[in-house]
C-alpha atoms as a PDB file:
ATOM      1  CA  MET A   1     -14.757   8.191 -16.616  1.00  0.00           C
ATOM      2  CA  VAL A   2     -13.923   5.913 -13.722  1.00  0.00           C
ATOM      3  CA  LEU A   3     -13.868   6.960 -10.074  1.00  0.00           C
ATOM      4  CA  GLY A   4     -11.079   5.440  -8.074  1.00  0.00           C
ATOM      5  CA  ARG A   5     -11.328   4.881  -4.368  1.00  0.00           C
ATOM      6  CA  CYS A   6      -8.564   3.324  -2.337  1.00  0.00           C
ATOM      7  CA  GLY A   7      -8.842   2.459   1.324  1.00  0.00           C
ATOM      8  CA  GLY A   8     -12.265   0.925   1.169  1.00  0.00           C
ATOM      9  CA  GLY A   9     -14.187   4.165   1.428  1.00  0.00           C
ATOM     10  CA  VAL A  10     -14.860   3.686   5.175  1.00  0.00           C
ATOM     11  CA  LEU A  11     -11.257   3.817   6.308  1.00  0.00           C
ATOM     12  CA  ILE A  12     -10.948   0.062   6.655  1.00  0.00           C
ATOM     13  CA  ARG A  13      -7.257  -0.305   7.013  1.00  0.00           C
ATOM     14  CA  ARG A  14      -4.421  -2.813   7.303  1.00  0.00           C
ATOM     15  CA  GLY A  15      -5.923  -5.274   9.788  1.00  0.00           C
ATOM     16  CA  MET A  16      -7.623  -2.522  11.782  1.00  0.00           C
ATOM     17  CA  ALA A  17     -11.250  -1.677  10.940  1.00  0.00           C
ATOM     18  CA  THR A  18     -11.561   2.042  11.579  1.00  0.00           C
ATOM     19  CA  VAL A  19     -14.902   3.559  10.662  1.00  0.00           C
ATOM     20  CA  VAL A  20     -15.137   7.269  11.021  1.00  0.00           C
ATOM     21  CA  ALA A  21     -18.637   7.123  12.503  1.00  0.00           C
ATOM     22  CA  ALA A  22     -17.359   4.849  15.246  1.00  0.00           C
ATOM     23  CA  ILE A  23     -14.827   7.385  16.562  1.00  0.00           C
ATOM     24  CA  ALA A  24     -17.409   9.255  18.600  1.00  0.00           C
ATOM     25  CA  LEU A  25     -18.813   6.002  20.014  1.00  0.00           C
ATOM     26  CA  LEU A  26     -15.354   5.014  21.235  1.00  0.00           C
ATOM     27  CA  GLY A  27     -14.918   8.401  22.901  1.00  0.00           C
ATOM     28  CA  VAL A  28     -11.801   9.245  20.971  1.00  0.00           C
ATOM     29  CA  ALA A  29     -11.156  12.983  20.865  1.00  0.00           C
ATOM     30  CA  VAL A  30     -10.363  14.257  17.406  1.00  0.00           C
ATOM     31  CA  GLU A  31      -8.657  17.637  17.181  1.00  0.00           C
ATOM     32  CA  VAL A  32     -10.199  20.356  15.033  1.00  0.00           C
ATOM     33  CA  HIS A  33      -8.318  21.069  11.844  1.00  0.00           C
ATOM     34  CA  ALA A  34      -6.642  24.442  12.344  1.00  0.00           C
ATOM     35  CA  ALA A  35      -3.666  24.816  10.044  1.00  0.00           C
ATOM     36  CA  GLY A  36      -2.587  24.365   6.470  1.00  0.00           C
ATOM     37  CA  TYR A  37       0.619  23.785   4.551  1.00  0.00           C
ATOM     38  CA  ARG A  38       1.252  23.628   0.819  1.00  0.00           C
ATOM     39  CA  THR A  39       3.970  21.796  -1.111  1.00  0.00           C
ATOM     40  CA  ALA A  40       4.439  21.282  -4.847  1.00  0.00           C
ATOM     41  CA  ASN A  41       1.942  18.421  -4.974  1.00  0.00           C
ATOM     42  CA  PHE A  42      -0.049  18.492  -1.702  1.00  0.00           C
ATOM     43  CA  VAL A  43      -2.151  20.896   0.372  1.00  0.00           C
ATOM     44  CA  VAL A  44      -2.288  19.625   3.919  1.00  0.00           C
ATOM     45  CA  GLU A  45      -4.892  20.456   6.557  1.00  0.00           C
ATOM     46  CA  ALA A  46      -3.932  19.307  10.034  1.00  0.00           C
ATOM     47  CA  PRO A  47      -4.523  20.295  13.675  1.00  0.00           C
ATOM     48  CA  THR A  48      -1.293  22.399  13.898  1.00  0.00           C
ATOM     49  CA  GLU A  49       1.089  24.092  11.482  1.00  0.00           C
ATOM     50  CA  ALA A  50       3.949  21.881  12.641  1.00  0.00           C
ATOM     51  CA  LEU A  51       1.961  18.712  11.918  1.00  0.00           C
ATOM     52  CA  ALA A  52       0.817  20.028   8.551  1.00  0.00           C
ATOM     53  CA  ARG A  53       4.438  20.757   7.642  1.00  0.00           C
ATOM     54  CA  LYS A  54       5.648  17.335   8.744  1.00  0.00           C
ATOM     55  CA  ILE A  55       2.946  15.548   6.761  1.00  0.00           C
ATOM     56  CA  GLY A  56       3.416  17.672   3.682  1.00  0.00           C
ATOM     57  CA  ASP A  57       7.191  17.258   3.602  1.00  0.00           C
ATOM     58  CA  ALA A  58       6.924  13.534   4.242  1.00  0.00           C
ATOM     59  CA  ALA A  59       4.319  13.178   1.491  1.00  0.00           C
ATOM     60  CA  GLU A  60       6.652  14.789  -1.010  1.00  0.00           C
ATOM     61  CA  GLN A  61       9.539  12.595   0.037  1.00  0.00           C
ATOM     62  CA  TYR A  62       7.462   9.418  -0.138  1.00  0.00           C
ATOM     63  CA  ARG A  63       6.045  10.464  -3.502  1.00  0.00           C
ATOM     64  CA  HIS A  64       9.533  10.918  -4.927  1.00  0.00           C
ATOM     65  CA  THR A  65      11.311   7.954  -3.347  1.00  0.00           C
ATOM     66  CA  LEU A  66       8.544   5.400  -3.661  1.00  0.00           C
ATOM     67  CA  ALA A  67       7.870   6.270  -7.308  1.00  0.00           C
ATOM     68  CA  ILE A  68      11.478   5.471  -8.097  1.00  0.00           C
ATOM     69  CA  GLU A  69      11.360   2.272  -6.048  1.00  0.00           C
ATOM     70  CA  TRP A  70       8.237   1.058  -7.801  1.00  0.00           C
ATOM     71  CA  THR A  71       8.615   2.343 -11.356  1.00  0.00           C
ATOM     72  CA  GLY A  72      12.251   3.518 -11.736  1.00  0.00           C
ATOM     73  CA  SER A  73      11.358   7.156 -12.268  1.00  0.00           C
ATOM     74  CA  PRO A  74      10.019  10.044 -10.161  1.00  0.00           C
ATOM     75  CA  LEU A  75       6.524  11.295 -10.920  1.00  0.00           C
ATOM     76  CA  PRO A  76       6.078  14.576 -12.782  1.00  0.00           C
ATOM     77  CA  ARG A  77       4.407  17.357 -10.859  1.00  0.00           C
ATOM     78  CA  TRP A  78       0.644  17.024 -10.810  1.00  0.00           C
ATOM     79  CA  SER A  79      -1.396  19.777 -12.529  1.00  0.00           C
ATOM     80  CA  ARG A  80      -3.189  20.421  -9.266  1.00  0.00           C
ATOM     81  CA  PRO A  81      -2.076  19.475  -5.718  1.00  0.00           C
ATOM     82  CA  CYS A  82      -3.747  16.691  -3.795  1.00  0.00           C
ATOM     83  CA  PRO A  83      -5.616  17.872  -0.666  1.00  0.00           C
ATOM     84  CA  ILE A  84      -4.709  15.893   2.456  1.00  0.00           C
ATOM     85  CA  THR A  85      -6.987  16.122   5.429  1.00  0.00           C
ATOM     86  CA  ALA A  86      -5.364  14.730   8.573  1.00  0.00           C
ATOM     87  CA  GLN A  87      -6.972  13.860  11.910  1.00  0.00           C
ATOM     88  CA  VAL A  88      -4.178  13.300  14.436  1.00  0.00           C
ATOM     89  CA  ALA A  89      -4.586  12.023  17.977  1.00  0.00           C
ATOM     90  CA  PRO A  90      -2.475   9.638  20.069  1.00  0.00           C
ATOM     91  CA  ASN A  91      -5.192   6.987  20.451  1.00  0.00           C
ATOM     92  CA  LEU A  92      -6.896   7.413  17.134  1.00  0.00           C
ATOM     93  CA  GLY A  93      -6.970   4.250  14.997  1.00  0.00           C
ATOM     94  CA  ALA A  94      -4.747   4.389  11.902  1.00  0.00           C
ATOM     95  CA  GLY A  95      -6.654   4.772   8.621  1.00  0.00           C
ATOM     96  CA  GLY A  96      -6.648   6.379   5.210  1.00  0.00           C
ATOM     97  CA  ALA A  97      -8.635   6.724   2.039  1.00  0.00           C
ATOM     98  CA  THR A  98      -7.622   8.211  -1.342  1.00  0.00           C
ATOM     99  CA  SER A  99      -9.980   9.030  -4.172  1.00  0.00           C
ATOM    100  CA  PHE A 100      -9.282  10.114  -7.765  1.00  0.00           C
ATOM    101  CA  VAL A 101     -10.765  10.034 -11.271  1.00  0.00           C
ATOM    102  CA  PHE A 102      -9.609   8.087 -14.320  1.00  0.00           C
ATOM    103  CA  ASP A 103     -10.772   9.648 -17.610  1.00  0.00           C
ATOM    104  CA  ARG A 104      -9.379   8.859 -21.104  1.00  0.00           C
ATOM    105  CA  GLY A 105      -5.944   8.020 -19.910  1.00  0.00           C
ATOM    106  CA  GLU A 106      -5.690  10.822 -17.392  1.00  0.00           C
ATOM    107  CA  VAL A 107      -5.980  10.720 -13.582  1.00  0.00           C
ATOM    108  CA  PHE A 108      -6.918  13.736 -11.474  1.00  0.00           C
ATOM    109  CA  GLN A 109      -9.132  15.145  -8.673  1.00  0.00           C
ATOM    110  CA  TRP A 110      -6.982  13.641  -5.936  1.00  0.00           C
ATOM    111  CA  THR A 111      -8.380  13.660  -2.437  1.00  0.00           C
ATOM    112  CA  MET A 112      -6.765  12.013   0.566  1.00  0.00           C
ATOM    113  CA  THR A 113      -7.926  11.684   4.155  1.00  0.00           C
ATOM    114  CA  ILE A 114      -5.673  10.182   6.813  1.00  0.00           C
ATOM    115  CA  GLN A 115      -5.994   9.622  10.532  1.00  0.00           C
ATOM    116  CA  GLY A 116      -4.090   8.112  13.468  1.00  0.00           C
ATOM    117  CA  SER A 117      -1.251   8.935  15.771  1.00  0.00           C
ATOM    118  CA  GLU A 118       1.473  11.149  14.384  1.00  0.00           C
ATOM    119  CA  GLU A 119       3.865   8.160  14.352  1.00  0.00           C
ATOM    120  CA  ARG A 120       1.513   5.826  12.471  1.00  0.00           C
ATOM    121  CA  ILE A 121       0.506   8.505   9.961  1.00  0.00           C
ATOM    122  CA  LEU A 122       4.108   9.216   9.083  1.00  0.00           C
ATOM    123  CA  ASP A 123       5.421   5.628   8.988  1.00  0.00           C
ATOM    124  CA  SER A 124       2.428   3.670   7.647  1.00  0.00           C
ATOM    125  CA  VAL A 125      -0.726   5.510   6.594  1.00  0.00           C
ATOM    126  CA  LEU A 126       1.030   8.141   4.499  1.00  0.00           C
ATOM    127  CA  PRO A 127       3.357   5.846   2.484  1.00  0.00           C
ATOM    128  CA  HIS A 128       0.457   3.442   1.952  1.00  0.00           C
ATOM    129  CA  GLU A 129      -1.802   6.177   0.513  1.00  0.00           C
ATOM    130  CA  ILE A 130       0.998   7.802  -1.484  1.00  0.00           C
ATOM    131  CA  THR A 131       1.654   4.420  -3.114  1.00  0.00           C
ATOM    132  CA  HIS A 132      -1.979   4.358  -4.293  1.00  0.00           C
ATOM    133  CA  THR A 133      -1.372   7.633  -6.060  1.00  0.00           C
ATOM    134  CA  ILE A 134       1.821   6.374  -7.618  1.00  0.00           C
ATOM    135  CA  PHE A 135       0.027   3.292  -9.033  1.00  0.00           C
ATOM    136  CA  ALA A 136      -2.865   5.434 -10.268  1.00  0.00           C
ATOM    137  CA  SER A 137      -0.444   7.801 -11.984  1.00  0.00           C
ATOM    138  CA  HIS A 138       1.553   4.954 -13.506  1.00  0.00           C
ATOM    139  CA  PHE A 139      -1.141   2.554 -14.673  1.00  0.00           C
ATOM    140  CA  ARG A 140      -3.887   5.160 -15.378  1.00  0.00           C
ATOM    141  CA  ARG A 141      -6.561   2.555 -14.657  1.00  0.00           C
ATOM    142  CA  PRO A 142      -7.885   0.653 -11.600  1.00  0.00           C
ATOM    143  CA  LEU A 143      -5.801  -2.284 -10.376  1.00  0.00           C
ATOM    144  CA  PRO A 144      -7.190  -5.507  -8.912  1.00  0.00           C
ATOM    145  CA  ARG A 145      -7.974  -4.771  -5.287  1.00  0.00           C
ATOM    146  CA  TRP A 146      -5.535  -7.404  -3.912  1.00  0.00           C
ATOM    147  CA  ALA A 147      -2.617  -6.194  -6.056  1.00  0.00           C
ATOM    148  CA  ASP A 148      -3.167  -2.567  -5.125  1.00  0.00           C
ATOM    149  CA  GLU A 149      -3.820  -2.878  -1.391  1.00  0.00           C
ATOM    150  CA  GLY A 150      -1.339  -5.716  -1.014  1.00  0.00           C
ATOM    151  CA  ALA A 151       1.534  -3.796  -2.504  1.00  0.00           C
ATOM    152  CA  CYS A 152       0.651  -0.611  -0.703  1.00  0.00           C
ATOM    153  CA  THR A 153       0.756  -2.493   2.632  1.00  0.00           C
ATOM    154  CA  THR A 154       4.320  -3.658   1.976  1.00  0.00           C
ATOM    155  CA  VAL A 155       5.634  -0.136   2.471  1.00  0.00           C
ATOM    156  CA  GLU A 156       4.163   0.200   5.992  1.00  0.00           C
ATOM    157  CA  HIS A 157       5.971  -0.059   9.285  1.00  0.00           C
ATOM    158  CA  PRO A 158       6.955  -3.657  10.358  1.00  0.00           C
ATOM    159  CA  VAL A 159       4.441  -3.463  13.231  1.00  0.00           C
ATOM    160  CA  GLU A 160       1.552  -2.957  10.785  1.00  0.00           C
ATOM    161  CA  ARG A 161       2.842  -5.712   8.480  1.00  0.00           C
ATOM    162  CA  ALA A 162       3.214  -8.051  11.424  1.00  0.00           C
ATOM    163  CA  ARG A 163      -0.438  -7.432  12.299  1.00  0.00           C
ATOM    164  CA  GLN A 164      -1.452  -8.349   8.766  1.00  0.00           C
ATOM    165  CA  HIS A 165       0.429 -11.623   8.994  1.00  0.00           C
ATOM    166  CA  ARG A 166      -1.261 -12.566  12.307  1.00  0.00           C
ATOM    167  CA  LEU A 167      -4.642 -11.748  10.795  1.00  0.00           C
ATOM    168  CA  LEU A 168      -3.839 -13.814   7.733  1.00  0.00           C
ATOM    169  CA  ILE A 169      -3.237 -16.903   9.837  1.00  0.00           C
ATOM    170  CA  GLU A 170      -6.489 -16.259  11.687  1.00  0.00           C
ATOM    171  CA  PHE A 171      -8.455 -15.893   8.439  1.00  0.00           C
ATOM    172  CA  LEU A 172      -6.909 -18.963   6.809  1.00  0.00           C
ATOM    173  CA  THR A 173      -7.553 -21.153   9.828  1.00  0.00           C
ATOM    174  CA  THR A 174     -11.187 -20.010  10.279  1.00  0.00           C
ATOM    175  CA  GLY A 175     -12.391 -20.450   6.656  1.00  0.00           C
ATOM    176  CA  ARG A 176     -12.218 -16.769   5.643  1.00  0.00           C
ATOM    177  CA  GLY A 177      -9.466 -17.171   3.058  1.00  0.00           C
ATOM    178  CA  ILE A 178     -10.245 -16.195  -0.563  1.00  0.00           C
ATOM    179  CA  ALA A 179      -9.588 -18.605  -3.401  1.00  0.00           C
ATOM    180  CA  PHE A 180      -7.074 -17.113  -5.816  1.00  0.00           C
ATOM    181  CA  PRO A 181      -9.269 -17.286  -8.941  1.00  0.00           C
ATOM    182  CA  GLU A 182     -11.866 -15.249  -7.060  1.00  0.00           C
ATOM    183  CA  MET A 183      -9.323 -12.882  -5.547  1.00  0.00           C
ATOM    184  CA  PHE A 184      -7.609 -12.221  -8.880  1.00  0.00           C
ATOM    185  CA  ALA A 185     -10.934 -11.399 -10.489  1.00  0.00           C
ATOM    186  CA  MET A 186     -12.018  -8.871  -7.824  1.00  0.00           C
ATOM    187  CA  LYS A 187     -12.328  -5.350  -9.122  1.00  0.00           C
ATOM    188  CA  GLU A 188     -14.188  -4.015  -6.063  1.00  0.00           C
ATOM    189  CA  TYR A 189     -13.825  -4.485  -2.336  1.00  0.00           C
ATOM    190  CA  PRO A 190     -15.705  -7.540  -0.997  1.00  0.00           C
ATOM    191  CA  ALA A 191     -18.139  -7.354   1.909  1.00  0.00           C
ATOM    192  CA  ASP A 192     -15.568  -9.186   4.062  1.00  0.00           C
ATOM    193  CA  VAL A 193     -12.705  -6.837   3.223  1.00  0.00           C
ATOM    194  CA  LEU A 194     -10.116  -7.526   5.870  1.00  0.00           C
ATOM    195  CA  PRO A 195      -9.042 -10.990   4.477  1.00  0.00           C
ATOM    196  CA  LEU A 196      -8.411  -9.256   1.135  1.00  0.00           C
ATOM    197  CA  TYR A 197      -5.971  -6.856   2.807  1.00  0.00           C
ATOM    198  CA  SER A 198      -4.106  -9.580   4.656  1.00  0.00           C
ATOM    199  CA  GLN A 199      -4.040 -12.058   1.827  1.00  0.00           C
ATOM    200  CA  GLY A 200      -3.232  -9.461  -0.778  1.00  0.00           C
ATOM    201  CA  TYR A 201      -0.333  -8.190   1.376  1.00  0.00           C
ATOM    202  CA  SER A 202       1.020 -11.698   1.862  1.00  0.00           C
ATOM    203  CA  LEU A 203       0.956 -12.578  -1.841  1.00  0.00           C
ATOM    204  CA  ALA A 204       2.415  -9.185  -2.838  1.00  0.00           C
ATOM    205  CA  ARG A 205       5.164  -9.684  -0.263  1.00  0.00           C
ATOM    206  CA  TYR A 206       5.917 -13.178  -1.640  1.00  0.00           C
ATOM    207  CA  LEU A 207       6.181 -11.881  -5.230  1.00  0.00           C
ATOM    208  CA  ILE A 208       8.212  -8.734  -4.334  1.00  0.00           C
ATOM    209  CA  GLU A 209      10.719 -10.742  -2.275  1.00  0.00           C
ATOM    210  CA  ARG A 210      11.340 -12.955  -5.329  1.00  0.00           C
ATOM    211  CA  GLY A 211      11.439 -10.355  -8.084  1.00  0.00           C
ATOM    212  CA  GLY A 212      11.630  -6.876  -6.625  1.00  0.00           C
ATOM    213  CA  ARG A 213       9.219  -4.012  -7.009  1.00  0.00           C
ATOM    214  CA  HIS A 214       9.956  -3.294 -10.677  1.00  0.00           C
ATOM    215  CA  THR A 215       9.126  -6.903 -11.618  1.00  0.00           C
ATOM    216  CA  TYR A 216       5.908  -6.662  -9.578  1.00  0.00           C
ATOM    217  CA  VAL A 217       4.855  -3.535 -11.470  1.00  0.00           C
ATOM    218  CA  ALA A 218       5.678  -5.227 -14.825  1.00  0.00           C
ATOM    219  CA  PHE A 219       3.626  -8.267 -13.742  1.00  0.00           C
ATOM    220  CA  VAL A 220       0.639  -6.123 -12.879  1.00  0.00           C
ATOM    221  CA  ALA A 221       1.018  -4.147 -16.155  1.00  0.00           C
ATOM    222  CA  ASP A 222       0.952  -7.349 -18.255  1.00  0.00           C
ATOM    223  CA  GLY A 223      -1.988  -8.692 -16.290  1.00  0.00           C
ATOM    224  CA  LEU A 224      -3.954  -5.510 -16.808  1.00  0.00           C
ATOM    225  CA  ALA A 225      -3.103  -5.356 -20.518  1.00  0.00           C
ATOM    226  CA  THR A 226      -4.073  -8.922 -21.319  1.00  0.00           C
ATOM    227  CA  ASP A 227      -6.455  -9.844 -18.497  1.00  0.00           C
ATOM    228  CA  ASN A 228      -4.407 -13.059 -18.456  1.00  0.00           C
ATOM    229  CA  TRP A 229      -3.036 -13.251 -14.945  1.00  0.00           C
ATOM    230  CA  SER A 230      -1.877 -16.870 -15.353  1.00  0.00           C
ATOM    231  CA  GLY A 231       0.203 -15.840 -18.371  1.00  0.00           C
ATOM    232  CA  SER A 232       1.689 -12.886 -16.465  1.00  0.00           C
ATOM    233  CA  LEU A 233       2.566 -15.160 -13.524  1.00  0.00           C
ATOM    234  CA  ALA A 234       4.264 -17.572 -15.858  1.00  0.00           C
ATOM    235  CA  LYS A 235       6.210 -14.813 -17.650  1.00  0.00           C
ATOM    236  CA  HIS A 236       7.486 -12.993 -14.573  1.00  0.00           C
ATOM    237  CA  TYR A 237       7.619 -15.627 -11.846  1.00  0.00           C
ATOM    238  CA  GLY A 238       7.692 -19.019 -13.600  1.00  0.00           C
ATOM    239  CA  VAL A 239       4.411 -20.141 -12.004  1.00  0.00           C
ATOM    240  CA  SER A 240       2.113 -21.851 -14.518  1.00  0.00           C
ATOM    241  CA  ASP A 241      -1.217 -20.349 -13.504  1.00  0.00           C
ATOM    242  CA  VAL A 242      -3.284 -18.782 -10.744  1.00  0.00           C
ATOM    243  CA  ALA A 243      -4.204 -22.115  -9.210  1.00  0.00           C
ATOM    244  CA  GLN A 244      -0.541 -23.155  -9.031  1.00  0.00           C
ATOM    245  CA  MET A 245       0.272 -19.774  -7.512  1.00  0.00           C
ATOM    246  CA  GLN A 246      -2.250 -20.478  -4.699  1.00  0.00           C
ATOM    247  CA  HIS A 247      -0.637 -23.838  -4.014  1.00  0.00           C
ATOM    248  CA  VAL A 248       2.910 -22.391  -3.957  1.00  0.00           C
ATOM    249  CA  TRP A 249       1.907 -19.502  -1.749  1.00  0.00           C
ATOM    250  CA  LEU A 250      -0.016 -21.744   0.736  1.00  0.00           C
ATOM    251  CA  GLU A 251       3.007 -23.988   1.135  1.00  0.00           C
ATOM    252  CA  TRP A 252       5.130 -20.917   1.827  1.00  0.00           C
ATOM    253  CA  VAL A 253       2.721 -19.696   4.477  1.00  0.00           C
ATOM    254  CA  LYS A 254       2.639 -23.160   6.112  1.00  0.00           C
ATOM    255  CA  GLN A 255       6.426 -23.114   6.337  1.00  0.00           C
ATOM    256  CA  GLY A 256       6.326 -19.774   8.212  1.00  0.00           C
ATOM    257  CA  CYS A 257       6.943 -17.497   5.203  1.00  0.00           C
ATOM    258  CA  PRO A 258      10.695 -18.166   4.900  1.00  0.00           C
ATOM    259  CA  ALA A 259      12.918 -15.703   3.101  1.00  0.00           C
ATOM    260  CA  PRO A 260      13.867 -16.737  -0.450  1.00  0.00           C
ATOM    261  CA  PRO A 261      17.229 -18.364  -1.127  1.00  0.00           C
ATOM    262  CA  ALA A 262      20.192 -16.052  -0.980  1.00  0.00           C
ATOM    263  CA  SER A 263      20.977 -16.670  -4.653  1.00  0.00           C
ATOM    264  CA  LEU A 264      17.478 -15.460  -5.598  1.00  0.00           C
ATOM    265  CA  VAL A 265      17.737 -12.409  -3.408  1.00  0.00           C
ATOM    266  CA  ALA A 266      21.104 -11.527  -4.950  1.00  0.00           C
ATOM    267  CA  ALA A 267      19.524 -11.655  -8.394  1.00  0.00           C
ATOM    268  CA  VAL A 268      16.871  -9.055  -7.496  1.00  0.00           C
ATOM    269  CA  PRO A 269      18.112  -5.540  -8.375  1.00  0.00           C
ATOM    270  CA  SER A 270      17.940  -3.004  -5.595  1.00  0.00           C
ATOM    271  CA  PRO A 271      16.000   0.152  -6.451  1.00  0.00           C
ATOM    272  CA  PRO A 272      17.886   3.430  -6.227  1.00  0.00           C
ATOM    273  CA  VAL A 273      17.319   5.464  -3.086  1.00  0.00           C
ATOM    274  CA  ALA A 274      17.017   9.221  -3.025  1.00  0.00           C
ATOM    275  CA  ALA A 275      19.183  10.676  -0.267  1.00  0.00           C
ATOM    276  CA  THR A 276      17.040  13.765   0.252  1.00  0.00           C
ATOM    277  CA  ALA A 277      13.483  14.823  -0.430  1.00  0.00           C
ATOM    278  CA  ARG A 278      12.750  17.079  -3.352  1.00  0.00           C
ATOM    279  CA  GLY A 279       9.828  18.094  -5.505  1.00  0.00           C
ATOM    280  CA  GLN A 280       9.033  16.899  -8.973  1.00  0.00           C
ATOM    281  CA  SER A 281       9.573  20.106 -10.872  1.00  0.00           C
ATOM    282  CA  PRO A 282      12.415  22.681 -10.922  1.00  0.00           C
ATOM    283  CA  ASP A 283      10.505  25.209  -8.849  1.00  0.00           C
ATOM    284  CA  ALA A 284       9.296  22.781  -6.215  1.00  0.00           C
ATOM    285  CA  ALA A 285      11.559  22.911  -3.155  1.00  0.00           C
ATOM    286  CA  VAL A 286      10.333  20.973  -0.157  1.00  0.00           C
ATOM    287  CA  GLY A 287      11.750  20.182   3.230  1.00  0.00           C
ATOM    288  CA  SER A 288      13.760  17.085   4.089  1.00  0.00           C
ATOM    289  CA  ALA A 289      12.155  15.896   7.320  1.00  0.00           C
ATOM    290  CA  PRO A 290      13.357  12.325   7.952  1.00  0.00           C
ATOM    291  CA  VAL A 291      10.855   9.532   7.380  1.00  0.00           C
ATOM    292  CA  ALA A 292      11.203   5.786   7.104  1.00  0.00           C
ATOM    293  CA  THR A 293      14.178   4.700   4.992  1.00  0.00           C
ATOM    294  CA  SER A 294      13.985   2.534   1.951  1.00  0.00           C
ATOM    295  CA  ALA A 295      15.983  -0.189   3.656  1.00  0.00           C
ATOM    296  CA  ALA A 296      13.515  -0.252   6.569  1.00  0.00           C
ATOM    297  CA  ARG A 297      10.600  -0.704   4.179  1.00  0.00           C
ATOM    298  CA  THR A 298      12.362  -3.300   2.119  1.00  0.00           C
ATOM    299  CA  SER A 299      13.013  -5.536   5.085  1.00  0.00           C
ATOM    300  CA  ILE A 300       9.614  -7.199   5.081  1.00  0.00           C
ATOM    301  CA  TYR A 301       8.472  -8.740   8.345  1.00  0.00           C
ATOM    302  CA  ALA A 302       8.315 -12.508   8.617  1.00  0.00           C
ATOM    303  CA  GLN A 303       6.990 -14.435  11.550  1.00  0.00           C
ATOM    304  CA  ALA A 304       7.124 -18.266  11.853  1.00  0.00           C
ATOM    305  CA  ARG A 305       4.009 -19.885  13.201  1.00  0.00           C
ATOM    306  CA  ARG A 306       4.403 -23.042  15.304  1.00  0.00           C
ATOM    307  CA  GLY A 307       1.693 -25.542  16.078  1.00  0.00           C
ATOM    308  CA  GLN A 308      -0.879 -23.897  13.814  1.00  0.00           C
ATOM    309  CA  ALA A 309      -3.476 -25.879  11.917  1.00  0.00           C
ATOM    310  CA  ALA A 310      -2.667 -26.038   8.230  1.00  0.00           C
ATOM    311  CA  PRO A 311      -4.133 -22.893   6.571  1.00  0.00           C
ATOM    312  CA  ALA A 312      -6.727 -23.373   3.903  1.00  0.00           C
ATOM    313  CA  VAL A 313      -8.204 -21.126   1.235  1.00  0.00           C
ATOM    314  CA  ARG A 314     -11.864 -21.618   0.468  1.00  0.00           C
END
């Protein structure tokens, strides 16, 4: 039996360190949970019924659409719904944590906590945490921390992804970068966790831009099956090994993270997009509240840096 915990366990999140115990110190008012809402796969507790409904319907839509985008198929309905506890306030830092249990090829006992403004919960925190559940359901085993958190960050709002890029440059130019052999071997969160989020996001973005989400999932699957990440990089991306991947990625970052050539982009198949939200079983009807579109998530933020010192990975 393996316990899975995504989100760092202390709500350390996407370039913003948000520790629950610090909320009171900052004087941020957190509303008392007062209402619940149930869908086919989630039970939501939020400050109001309207918020609980918005979060529940969005969670179902993300669960369906993102599963197709990552794996090509929707998820079957879970045997028991995942509880979502939401703290929602305008000035509350965005954060989330999802826990679950792996046992003999099964995954269960989902628990999700999310916090932030309504906007950030719906466009960043929720899709990030839902992607964790999709990966857990698909792979049925823990992923390397960089590959999990990095990919989950790519589905966030462009504002959050831009923040990760700015932090990445800061970390690389101040000696807090993580050498790829060390990063690829990490199975737990390091003490200095924020560089892992930023660097993992940047590498996941680089790979997804060049192969699409399905190729990324196949790359991770082969790496998990063989524990040979260099071989999986060579197979799926034509990069000889992890050390070479670090060199290629650093050069890309130094150049301002340019988009791949048009010919390469054209060769990457676009995932199908569900037009409306629906549940994962015949009796599971859910609402269709609008959330971020696939196209908006696919357009990954890129920001050129001028006059920066050359980044370095320790």
